């Protein structure tokens, strides 16, 4: 029998982490959490680098939101449809529209 790994969680490499931290310090409007592991990872970065919370934390579903809350993150948006598209739709519904 062959084993095929289709998904693997790994922490960001140090250079990617530095870029992420720099971007978060510049300020972002929304942080999207697409799994319990991303909620844990993001919470660890917030704690490690004393990052400010973004204006909006959006979760792909209730399990991700539950872990985020346990880790001390504020949760503003939880997608009803647990897909990337559902998450985008939920964020769009939550944020006020800007005139362009």
PDB file of N, CA and C in Angstrom:
ATOM      1  N   UNK A   1       0.841  -1.165   0.000  1.00  0.00           N
ATOM      2  CA  UNK A   1       0.000   0.000   0.000  1.00  0.00           C
ATOM      3  C   UNK A   1       0.897   1.243   0.000  1.00  0.00           C
ATOM      4  N   UNK A   2       0.541   2.223  -0.821  1.00  0.00           N
ATOM      5  CA  UNK A   2       1.273   3.485  -0.877  1.00  0.00           C
ATOM      6  C   UNK A   2       0.595   4.509   0.017  1.00  0.00           C
ATOM      7  N   UNK A   3       1.399   5.294   0.702  1.00  0.00           N
ATOM      8  CA  UNK A   3       0.875   6.389   1.516  1.00  0.00           C
ATOM      9  C   UNK A   3       1.160   7.691   0.794  1.00  0.00           C
ATOM     10  N   UNK A   4       0.118   8.499   0.615  1.00  0.00           N
ATOM     11  CA  UNK A   4       0.249   9.792  -0.042  1.00  0.00           C
ATOM     12  C   UNK A   4      -0.158  10.859   0.961  1.00  0.00           C
ATOM     13  N   UNK A   5       0.754  11.777   1.230  1.00  0.00           N
ATOM     14  CA  UNK A   5       0.461  12.872   2.155  1.00  0.00           C
ATOM     15  C   UNK A   5      -0.147  14.012   1.350  1.00  0.00           C
ATOM     16  N   UNK A   6      -1.396  14.316   1.638  1.00  0.00           N
ATOM     17  CA  UNK A   6      -2.094  15.366   0.903  1.00  0.00           C
ATOM     18  C   UNK A   6      -2.114  16.682   1.669  1.00  0.00           C
ATOM     19  N   UNK A   7      -1.821  16.637   2.969  1.00  0.00           N
ATOM     20  CA  UNK A   7      -1.915  17.835   3.783  1.00  0.00           C
ATOM     21  C   UNK A   7      -0.950  17.684   4.942  1.00  0.00           C
ATOM     22  N   UNK A   8      -0.186  18.727   5.196  1.00  0.00           N
ATOM     23  CA  UNK A   8       0.753  18.682   6.306  1.00  0.00           C
ATOM     24  C   UNK A   8       0.830  20.069   6.938  1.00  0.00           C
ATOM     25  N   UNK A   9       0.691  20.121   8.250  1.00  0.00           N
ATOM     26  CA  UNK A   9       0.861  21.372   8.983  1.00  0.00           C
ATOM     27  C   UNK A   9       2.326  21.532   9.348  1.00  0.00           C
ATOM     28  N   UNK A  10       2.871  22.689   9.026  1.00  0.00           N
ATOM     29  CA  UNK A  10       4.226  23.004   9.419  1.00  0.00           C
ATOM     30  C   UNK A  10       4.287  24.466   9.811  1.00  0.00           C
ATOM     31  N   UNK A  11       5.090  24.788  10.821  1.00  0.00           N
ATOM     32  CA  UNK A  11       5.249  26.203  11.156  1.00  0.00           C
ATOM     33  C   UNK A  11       5.946  26.936  10.014  1.00  0.00           C
ATOM     34  N   UNK A  12       5.696  28.228   9.924  1.00  0.00           N
ATOM     35  CA  UNK A  12       6.349  29.026   8.887  1.00  0.00           C
ATOM     36  C   UNK A  12       7.854  29.017   9.108  1.00  0.00           C
ATOM     37  N   UNK A  13       8.602  29.057   8.017  1.00  0.00           N
ATOM     38  CA  UNK A  13      10.045  29.133   8.189  1.00  0.00           C
ATOM     39  C   UNK A  13      10.399  30.517   8.744  1.00  0.00           C
ATOM     40  N   UNK A  14      11.563  30.672   9.359  1.00  0.00           N
ATOM     41  CA  UNK A  14      11.898  31.943  10.030  1.00  0.00           C
ATOM     42  C   UNK A  14      11.808  33.167   9.137  1.00  0.00           C
ATOM     43  N   UNK A  15      12.214  33.077   7.888  1.00  0.00           N
ATOM     44  CA  UNK A  15      12.140  34.265   7.030  1.00  0.00           C
ATOM     45  C   UNK A  15      10.687  34.619   6.723  1.00  0.00           C
ATOM     46  N   UNK A  16       9.836  33.619   6.539  1.00  0.00           N
ATOM     47  CA  UNK A  16       8.413  33.888   6.308  1.00  0.00           C
ATOM     48  C   UNK A  16       7.787  34.473   7.562  1.00  0.00           C
ATOM     49  N   UNK A  17       8.164  33.959   8.724  1.00  0.00           N
ATOM     50  CA  UNK A  17       7.620  34.487   9.978  1.00  0.00           C
ATOM     51  C   UNK A  17       7.983  35.957  10.138  1.00  0.00           C
ATOM     52  N   UNK A  18       9.206  36.334   9.808  1.00  0.00           N
ATOM     53  CA  UNK A  18       9.631  37.733   9.917  1.00  0.00           C
ATOM     54  C   UNK A  18       8.781  38.625   9.005  1.00  0.00           C
ATOM     55  N   UNK A  19       8.491  38.154   7.801  1.00  0.00           N
ATOM     56  CA  UNK A  19       7.650  38.925   6.877  1.00  0.00           C
ATOM     57  C   UNK A  19       6.228  39.063   7.415  1.00  0.00           C
ATOM     58  N   UNK A  20       5.708  37.988   7.967  1.00  0.00           N
ATOM     59  CA  UNK A  20       4.354  38.007   8.537  1.00  0.00           C
ATOM     60  C   UNK A  20       4.281  38.999   9.696  1.00  0.00           C
ATOM     61  N   UNK A  21       5.255  38.956  10.582  1.00  0.00           N
ATOM     62  CA  UNK A  21       5.276  39.854  11.735  1.00  0.00           C
ATOM     63  C   UNK A  21       5.365  41.301  11.277  1.00  0.00           C
ATOM     64  N   UNK A  22       6.219  41.587  10.310  1.00  0.00           N
ATOM     65  CA  UNK A  22       6.347  42.954   9.796  1.00  0.00           C
ATOM     66  C   UNK A  22       5.024  43.446   9.229  1.00  0.00           C
ATOM     67  N   UNK A  23       4.336  42.597   8.480  1.00  0.00           N
ATOM     68  CA  UNK A  23       3.045  42.989   7.899  1.00  0.00           C
ATOM     69  C   UNK A  23       2.005  43.229   8.988  1.00  0.00           C
ATOM     70  N   UNK A  24       1.966  42.362   9.979  1.00  0.00           N
ATOM     71  CA  UNK A  24       1.003  42.535  11.070  1.00  0.00           C
ATOM     72  C   UNK A  24       1.281  43.810  11.861  1.00  0.00           C
ATOM     73  N   UNK A  25       2.532  44.140  12.038  1.00  0.00           N
ATOM     74  CA  UNK A  25       2.879  45.376  12.758  1.00  0.00           C
ATOM     75  C   UNK A  25       2.511  46.614  11.952  1.00  0.00           C
ATOM     76  N   UNK A  26       2.564  46.519  10.611  1.00  0.00           N
ATOM     77  CA  UNK A  26       2.141  47.655   9.770  1.00  0.00           C
ATOM     78  C   UNK A  26       0.641  47.872   9.888  1.00  0.00           C
ATOM     79  N   UNK A  27      -0.063  46.805  10.210  1.00  0.00           N
ATOM     80  CA  UNK A  27      -1.509  46.904  10.381  1.00  0.00           C
ATOM     81  C   UNK A  27      -2.256  46.207   9.260  1.00  0.00           C
ATOM     82  N   UNK A  28      -3.187  45.374   9.630  1.00  0.00           N
ATOM     83  CA  UNK A  28      -4.049  44.686   8.676  1.00  0.00           C
ATOM     84  C   UNK A  28      -5.491  44.902   9.109  1.00  0.00           C
ATOM     85  N   UNK A  29      -6.393  44.792   8.163  1.00  0.00           N
ATOM     86  CA  UNK A  29      -7.812  44.974   8.458  1.00  0.00           C
ATOM     87  C   UNK A  29      -8.470  43.701   8.962  1.00  0.00           C
ATOM     88  N   UNK A  30      -8.045  42.561   8.407  1.00  0.00           N
ATOM     89  CA  UNK A  30      -8.677  41.284   8.730  1.00  0.00           C
ATOM     90  C   UNK A  30      -7.604  40.203   8.803  1.00  0.00           C
ATOM     91  N   UNK A  31      -7.708  39.354   9.813  1.00  0.00           N
ATOM     92  CA  UNK A  31      -6.920  38.126   9.861  1.00  0.00           C
ATOM     93  C   UNK A  31      -7.894  36.976   9.651  1.00  0.00           C
ATOM     94  N   UNK A  32      -7.595  36.111   8.687  1.00  0.00           N
ATOM     95  CA  UNK A  32      -8.452  34.954   8.427  1.00  0.00           C
ATOM     96  C   UNK A  32      -7.804  33.713   9.019  1.00  0.00           C
ATOM     97  N   UNK A  33      -8.595  32.953   9.728  1.00  0.00           N
ATOM     98  CA  UNK A  33      -8.143  31.706  10.333  1.00  0.00           C
ATOM     99  C   UNK A  33      -8.921  30.575   9.679  1.00  0.00           C
ATOM    100  N   UNK A  34      -8.206  29.683   9.017  1.00  0.00           N
ATOM    101  CA  UNK A  34      -8.861  28.659   8.214  1.00  0.00           C
ATOM    102  C   UNK A  34      -8.806  27.272   8.827  1.00  0.00           C
ATOM    103  N   UNK A  35      -8.270  27.163  10.028  1.00  0.00           N
ATOM    104  CA  UNK A  35      -8.249  25.879  10.733  1.00  0.00           C
ATOM    105  C   UNK A  35      -7.886  26.127  12.184  1.00  0.00           C
ATOM    106  N   UNK A  36      -8.105  25.112  13.002  1.00  0.00           N
ATOM    107  CA  UNK A  36      -7.709  25.224  14.415  1.00  0.00           C
ATOM    108  C   UNK A  36      -6.211  25.436  14.528  1.00  0.00           C
ATOM    109  N   UNK A  37      -5.436  24.802  13.656  1.00  0.00           N
ATOM    110  CA  UNK A  37      -3.977  24.965  13.735  1.00  0.00           C
ATOM    111  C   UNK A  37      -3.551  26.382  13.362  1.00  0.00           C
ATOM    112  N   UNK A  38      -4.246  27.028  12.419  1.00  0.00           N
ATOM    113  CA  UNK A  38      -3.898  28.416  12.114  1.00  0.00           C
ATOM    114  C   UNK A  38      -4.290  29.324  13.270  1.00  0.00           C
ATOM    115  N   UNK A  39      -5.380  29.027  13.952  1.00  0.00           N
ATOM    116  CA  UNK A  39      -5.765  29.803  15.139  1.00  0.00           C
ATOM    117  C   UNK A  39      -4.694  29.679  16.223  1.00  0.00           C
ATOM    118  N   UNK A  40      -4.224  28.460  16.458  1.00  0.00           N
ATOM    119  CA  UNK A  40      -3.165  28.261  17.457  1.00  0.00           C
ATOM    120  C   UNK A  40      -1.879  28.960  17.030  1.00  0.00           C
ATOM    121  N   UNK A  41      -1.511  28.820  15.766  1.00  0.00           N
ATOM    122  CA  UNK A  41      -0.281  29.443  15.270  1.00  0.00           C
ATOM    123  C   UNK A  41      -0.329  30.951  15.341  1.00  0.00           C
ATOM    124  N   UNK A  42      -1.458  31.528  14.947  1.00  0.00           N
ATOM    125  CA  UNK A  42      -1.591  32.981  15.004  1.00  0.00           C
ATOM    126  C   UNK A  42      -1.560  33.463  16.452  1.00  0.00           C
ATOM    127  N   UNK A  43      -2.263  32.781  17.328  1.00  0.00           N
ATOM    128  CA  UNK A  43      -2.250  33.141  18.745  1.00  0.00           C
ATOM    129  C   UNK A  43      -0.836  33.082  19.305  1.00  0.00           C
ATOM    130  N   UNK A  44      -0.080  32.079  18.927  1.00  0.00           N
ATOM    131  CA  UNK A  44       1.307  31.972  19.387  1.00  0.00           C
ATOM    132  C   UNK A  44       2.133  33.163  18.914  1.00  0.00           C
ATOM    133  N   UNK A  45       1.920  33.620  17.673  1.00  0.00           N
ATOM    134  CA  UNK A  45       2.638  34.799  17.173  1.00  0.00           C
ATOM    135  C   UNK A  45       2.237  36.057  17.937  1.00  0.00           C
ATOM    136  N   UNK A  46       0.944  36.206  18.201  1.00  0.00           N
ATOM    137  CA  UNK A  46       0.467  37.363  18.964  1.00  0.00           C
ATOM    138  C   UNK A  46       1.148  37.405  20.327  1.00  0.00           C
ATOM    139  N   UNK A  47       1.201  36.246  20.981  1.00  0.00           N
ATOM    140  CA  UNK A  47       1.817  36.170  22.302  1.00  0.00           C
ATOM    141  C   UNK A  47       3.328  36.395  22.228  1.00  0.00           C
ATOM    142  N   UNK A  48       3.982  35.745  21.301  1.00  0.00           N
ATOM    143  CA  UNK A  48       5.443  35.802  21.202  1.00  0.00           C
ATOM    144  C   UNK A  48       5.945  37.205  20.886  1.00  0.00           C
ATOM    145  N   UNK A  49       5.227  37.925  20.021  1.00  0.00           N
ATOM    146  CA  UNK A  49       5.683  39.233  19.555  1.00  0.00           C
ATOM    147  C   UNK A  49       4.846  40.398  20.087  1.00  0.00           C
ATOM    148  N   UNK A  50       3.953  40.124  21.040  1.00  0.00           N
ATOM    149  CA  UNK A  50       3.088  41.161  21.625  1.00  0.00           C
ATOM    150  C   UNK A  50       2.417  41.988  20.526  1.00  0.00           C
ATOM    151  N   UNK A  51       1.807  41.293  19.590  1.00  0.00           N
ATOM    152  CA  UNK A  51       1.145  41.961  18.462  1.00  0.00           C
ATOM    153  C   UNK A  51      -0.213  42.500  18.877  1.00  0.00           C
ATOM    154  N   UNK A  52      -0.623  43.622  18.284  1.00  0.00           N
ATOM    155  CA  UNK A  52      -1.974  44.111  18.532  1.00  0.00           C
ATOM    156  C   UNK A  52      -2.978  43.237  17.794  1.00  0.00           C
ATOM    157  N   UNK A  53      -4.186  43.171  18.313  1.00  0.00           N
ATOM    158  CA  UNK A  53      -5.229  42.445  17.614  1.00  0.00           C
ATOM    159  C   UNK A  53      -5.676  43.261  16.407  1.00  0.00           C
ATOM    160  N   UNK A  54      -5.968  42.591  15.296  1.00  0.00           N
ATOM    161  CA  UNK A  54      -6.490  43.314  14.135  1.00  0.00           C
ATOM    162  C   UNK A  54      -7.939  43.715  14.396  1.00  0.00           C
ATOM    163  N   UNK A  55      -8.443  44.640  13.591  1.00  0.00           N
ATOM    164  CA  UNK A  55      -9.846  45.047  13.765  1.00  0.00           C
ATOM    165  C   UNK A  55     -10.830  43.895  13.619  1.00  0.00           C
ATOM    166  N   UNK A  56     -10.520  42.910  12.744  1.00  0.00           N
ATOM    167  CA  UNK A  56     -11.449  41.810  12.492  1.00  0.00           C
ATOM    168  C   UNK A  56     -10.678  40.484  12.447  1.00  0.00           C
ATOM    169  N   UNK A  57     -11.164  39.513  13.215  1.00  0.00           N
ATOM    170  CA  UNK A  57     -10.666  38.144  13.134  1.00  0.00           C
ATOM    171  C   UNK A  57     -11.813  37.314  12.567  1.00  0.00           C
ATOM    172  N   UNK A  58     -11.559  36.661  11.436  1.00  0.00           N
ATOM    173  CA  UNK A  58     -12.589  35.888  10.743  1.00  0.00           C
ATOM    174  C   UNK A  58     -12.189  34.416  10.700  1.00  0.00           C
ATOM    175  N   UNK A  59     -13.119  33.545  11.069  1.00  0.00           N
ATOM    176  CA  UNK A  59     -12.862  32.105  11.121  1.00  0.00           C
ATOM    177  C   UNK A  59     -13.719  31.377  10.091  1.00  0.00           C
ATOM    178  N   UNK A  60     -13.148  30.324   9.534  1.00  0.00           N
ATOM    179  CA  UNK A  60     -13.826  29.564   8.490  1.00  0.00           C
ATOM    180  C   UNK A  60     -14.989  28.740   9.023  1.00  0.00           C
ATOM    181  N   UNK A  61     -15.001  28.459  10.316  1.00  0.00           N
ATOM    182  CA  UNK A  61     -16.082  27.661  10.881  1.00  0.00           C
ATOM    183  C   UNK A  61     -16.057  27.677  12.394  1.00  0.00           C
ATOM    184  N   UNK A  62     -17.041  27.033  13.007  1.00  0.00           N
ATOM    185  CA  UNK A  62     -17.193  27.085  14.460  1.00  0.00           C
ATOM    186  C   UNK A  62     -16.062  26.409  15.232  1.00  0.00           C
ATOM    187  N   UNK A  63     -15.480  25.354  14.713  1.00  0.00           N
ATOM    188  CA  UNK A  63     -14.371  24.700  15.430  1.00  0.00           C
ATOM    189  C   UNK A  63     -13.147  25.611  15.458  1.00  0.00           C
ATOM    190  N   UNK A  64     -12.863  26.250  14.347  1.00  0.00           N
ATOM    191  CA  UNK A  64     -11.751  27.206  14.305  1.00  0.00           C
ATOM    192  C   UNK A  64     -12.025  28.359  15.256  1.00  0.00           C
ATOM    193  N   UNK A  65     -13.251  28.860  15.273  1.00  0.00           N
ATOM    194  CA  UNK A  65     -13.618  29.950  16.179  1.00  0.00           C
ATOM    195  C   UNK A  65     -13.492  29.517  17.632  1.00  0.00           C
ATOM    196  N   UNK A  66     -13.888  28.299  17.937  1.00  0.00           N
ATOM    197  CA  UNK A  66     -13.810  27.793  19.311  1.00  0.00           C
ATOM    198  C   UNK A  66     -12.357  27.781  19.790  1.00  0.00           C
ATOM    199  N   UNK A  67     -11.461  27.283  18.956  1.00  0.00           N
ATOM    200  CA  UNK A  67     -10.042  27.237  19.320  1.00  0.00           C
ATOM    201  C   UNK A  67      -9.487  28.662  19.447  1.00  0.00           C
ATOM    202  N   UNK A  68      -9.883  29.542  18.539  1.00  0.00           N
ATOM    203  CA  UNK A  68      -9.415  30.930  18.609  1.00  0.00           C
ATOM    204  C   UNK A  68      -9.817  31.570  19.939  1.00  0.00           C
ATOM    205  N   UNK A  69     -11.059  31.378  20.349  1.00  0.00           N
ATOM    206  CA  UNK A  69     -11.538  31.945  21.607  1.00  0.00           C
ATOM    207  C   UNK A  69     -10.781  31.335  22.792  1.00  0.00           C
ATOM    208  N   UNK A  70     -10.585  30.036  22.767  1.00  0.00           N
ATOM    209  CA  UNK A  70      -9.825  29.372  23.830  1.00  0.00           C
ATOM    210  C   UNK A  70      -8.421  29.967  23.930  1.00  0.00           C
ATOM    211  N   UNK A  71      -7.834  30.298  22.780  1.00  0.00           N
ATOM    212  CA  UNK A  71      -6.486  30.865  22.752  1.00  0.00           C
ATOM    213  C   UNK A  71      -6.479  32.367  23.051  1.00  0.00           C
ATOM    214  N   UNK A  72      -7.644  32.936  23.334  1.00  0.00           N
ATOM    215  CA  UNK A  72      -7.717  34.340  23.734  1.00  0.00           C
ATOM    216  C   UNK A  72      -7.889  35.334  22.613  1.00  0.00           C
ATOM    217  N   UNK A  73      -8.210  34.862  21.421  1.00  0.00           N
ATOM    218  CA  UNK A  73      -8.397  35.767  20.290  1.00  0.00           C
ATOM    219  C   UNK A  73      -9.847  36.238  20.213  1.00  0.00           C
ATOM    220  N   UNK A  74     -10.058  37.500  19.854  1.00  0.00           N
ATOM    221  CA  UNK A  74     -11.427  37.943  19.606  1.00  0.00           C
ATOM    222  C   UNK A  74     -11.879  37.395  18.256  1.00  0.00           C
ATOM    223  N   UNK A  75     -13.105  36.942  18.168  1.00  0.00           N
ATOM    224  CA  UNK A  75     -13.639  36.433  16.894  1.00  0.00           C
ATOM    225  C   UNK A  75     -14.828  37.301  16.514  1.00  0.00           C
ATOM    226  N   UNK A  76     -14.753  37.870  15.330  1.00  0.00           N
ATOM    227  CA  UNK A  76     -15.803  38.768  14.849  1.00  0.00           C
ATOM    228  C   UNK A  76     -16.687  38.135  13.784  1.00  0.00           C
ATOM    229  N   UNK A  77     -16.115  37.209  13.027  1.00  0.00           N
ATOM    230  CA  UNK A  77     -16.818  36.618  11.885  1.00  0.00           C
ATOM    231  C   UNK A  77     -16.602  35.108  11.909  1.00  0.00           C
ATOM    232  N   UNK A  78     -17.689  34.357  11.722  1.00  0.00           N
ATOM    233  CA  UNK A  78     -17.603  32.911  11.530  1.00  0.00           C
ATOM    234  C   UNK A  78     -18.427  32.589  10.290  1.00  0.00           C
ATOM    235  N   UNK A  79     -17.780  31.989   9.311  1.00  0.00           N
ATOM    236  CA  UNK A  79     -18.462  31.674   8.048  1.00  0.00           C
ATOM    237  C   UNK A  79     -19.534  30.611   8.277  1.00  0.00           C
ATOM    238  N   UNK A  80     -20.688  30.810   7.661  1.00  0.00           N
ATOM    239  CA  UNK A  80     -21.747  29.800   7.722  1.00  0.00           C
ATOM    240  C   UNK A  80     -21.442  28.642   6.773  1.00  0.00           C
ATOM    241  N   UNK A  81     -20.850  28.969   5.628  1.00  0.00           N
ATOM    242  CA  UNK A  81     -20.415  27.961   4.667  1.00  0.00           C
ATOM    243  C   UNK A  81     -18.914  27.819   4.873  1.00  0.00           C
ATOM    244  N   UNK A  82     -18.465  26.636   5.255  1.00  0.00           N
ATOM    245  CA  UNK A  82     -17.095  26.438   5.709  1.00  0.00           C
ATOM    246  C   UNK A  82     -16.136  26.161   4.558  1.00  0.00           C
ATOM    247  N   UNK A  83     -16.037  27.155   3.669  1.00  0.00           N
ATOM    248  CA  UNK A  83     -15.126  27.112   2.531  1.00  0.00           C
ATOM    249  C   UNK A  83     -14.444  28.463   2.440  1.00  0.00           C
ATOM    250  N   UNK A  84     -13.397  28.553   1.626  1.00  0.00           N
ATOM    251  CA  UNK A  84     -12.727  29.841   1.427  1.00  0.00           C
ATOM    252  C   UNK A  84     -13.722  30.873   0.888  1.00  0.00           C
ATOM    253  N   UNK A  85     -14.552  30.448  -0.062  1.00  0.00           N
ATOM    254  CA  UNK A  85     -15.552  31.370  -0.617  1.00  0.00           C
ATOM    255  C   UNK A  85     -16.556  31.786   0.449  1.00  0.00           C
ATOM    256  N   UNK A  86     -16.969  30.856   1.290  1.00  0.00           N
ATOM    257  CA  UNK A  86     -17.888  31.181   2.371  1.00  0.00           C
ATOM    258  C   UNK A  86     -17.276  32.155   3.360  1.00  0.00           C
ATOM    259  N   UNK A  87     -15.988  32.012   3.611  1.00  0.00           N
ATOM    260  CA  UNK A  87     -15.288  32.932   4.507  1.00  0.00           C
ATOM    261  C   UNK A  87     -15.240  34.337   3.913  1.00  0.00           C
ATOM    262  N   UNK A  88     -14.928  34.431   2.630  1.00  0.00           N
ATOM    263  CA  UNK A  88     -14.916  35.735   1.956  1.00  0.00           C
ATOM    264  C   UNK A  88     -16.306  36.358   1.998  1.00  0.00           C
ATOM    265  N   UNK A  89     -17.332  35.575   1.717  1.00  0.00           N
ATOM    266  CA  UNK A  89     -18.707  36.092   1.761  1.00  0.00           C
ATOM    267  C   UNK A  89     -19.053  36.615   3.151  1.00  0.00           C
ATOM    268  N   UNK A  90     -18.651  35.893   4.198  1.00  0.00           N
ATOM    269  CA  UNK A  90     -18.949  36.308   5.568  1.00  0.00           C
ATOM    270  C   UNK A  90     -18.222  37.604   5.917  1.00  0.00           C
ATOM    271  N   UNK A  91     -16.981  37.737   5.465  1.00  0.00           N
ATOM    272  CA  UNK A  91     -16.222  38.968   5.714  1.00  0.00           C
ATOM    273  C   UNK A  91     -16.871  40.131   4.982  1.00  0.00           C
ATOM    274  N   UNK A  92     -17.254  39.919   3.741  1.00  0.00           N
ATOM    275  CA  UNK A  92     -17.912  40.978   2.970  1.00  0.00           C
ATOM    276  C   UNK A  92     -19.223  41.407   3.621  1.00  0.00           C
ATOM    277  N   UNK A  93     -19.945  40.467   4.177  1.00  0.00           N
ATOM    278  CA  UNK A  93     -21.209  40.801   4.843  1.00  0.00           C
ATOM    279  C   UNK A  93     -20.960  41.571   6.141  1.00  0.00           C
ATOM    280  N   UNK A  94     -19.858  41.301   6.803  1.00  0.00           N
ATOM    281  CA  UNK A  94     -19.549  41.938   8.081  1.00  0.00           C
ATOM    282  C   UNK A  94     -18.999  43.360   7.919  1.00  0.00           C
ATOM    283  N   UNK A  95     -18.129  43.548   6.936  1.00  0.00           N
ATOM    284  CA  UNK A  95     -17.480  44.837   6.769  1.00  0.00           C
ATOM    285  C   UNK A  95     -18.388  45.810   6.029  1.00  0.00           C
ATOM    286  N   UNK A  96     -18.326  47.069   6.426  1.00  0.00           N
ATOM    287  CA  UNK A  96     -19.115  48.065   5.691  1.00  0.00           C
ATOM    288  C   UNK A  96     -18.536  48.262   4.280  1.00  0.00           C
ATOM    289  N   UNK A  97     -19.413  48.462   3.338  1.00  0.00           N
ATOM    290  CA  UNK A  97     -18.969  48.705   1.968  1.00  0.00           C
ATOM    291  C   UNK A  97     -18.380  50.095   1.856  1.00  0.00           C
ATOM    292  N   UNK A  98     -17.310  50.203   1.075  1.00  0.00           N
ATOM    293  CA  UNK A  98     -16.700  51.499   0.825  1.00  0.00           C
ATOM    294  C   UNK A  98     -17.115  51.983  -0.555  1.00  0.00           C
ATOM    295  N   UNK A  99     -17.357  53.269  -0.673  1.00  0.00           N
ATOM    296  CA  UNK A  99     -17.656  53.846  -1.979  1.00  0.00           C
ATOM    297  C   UNK A  99     -16.369  53.897  -2.779  1.00  0.00           C
ATOM    298  N   UNK A 100     -16.433  53.449  -4.024  1.00  0.00           N
ATOM    299  CA  UNK A 100     -15.240  53.494  -4.872  1.00  0.00           C
ATOM    300  C   UNK A 100     -15.449  54.398  -6.046  1.00  0.00           C
TER     301      UNK A 100
END
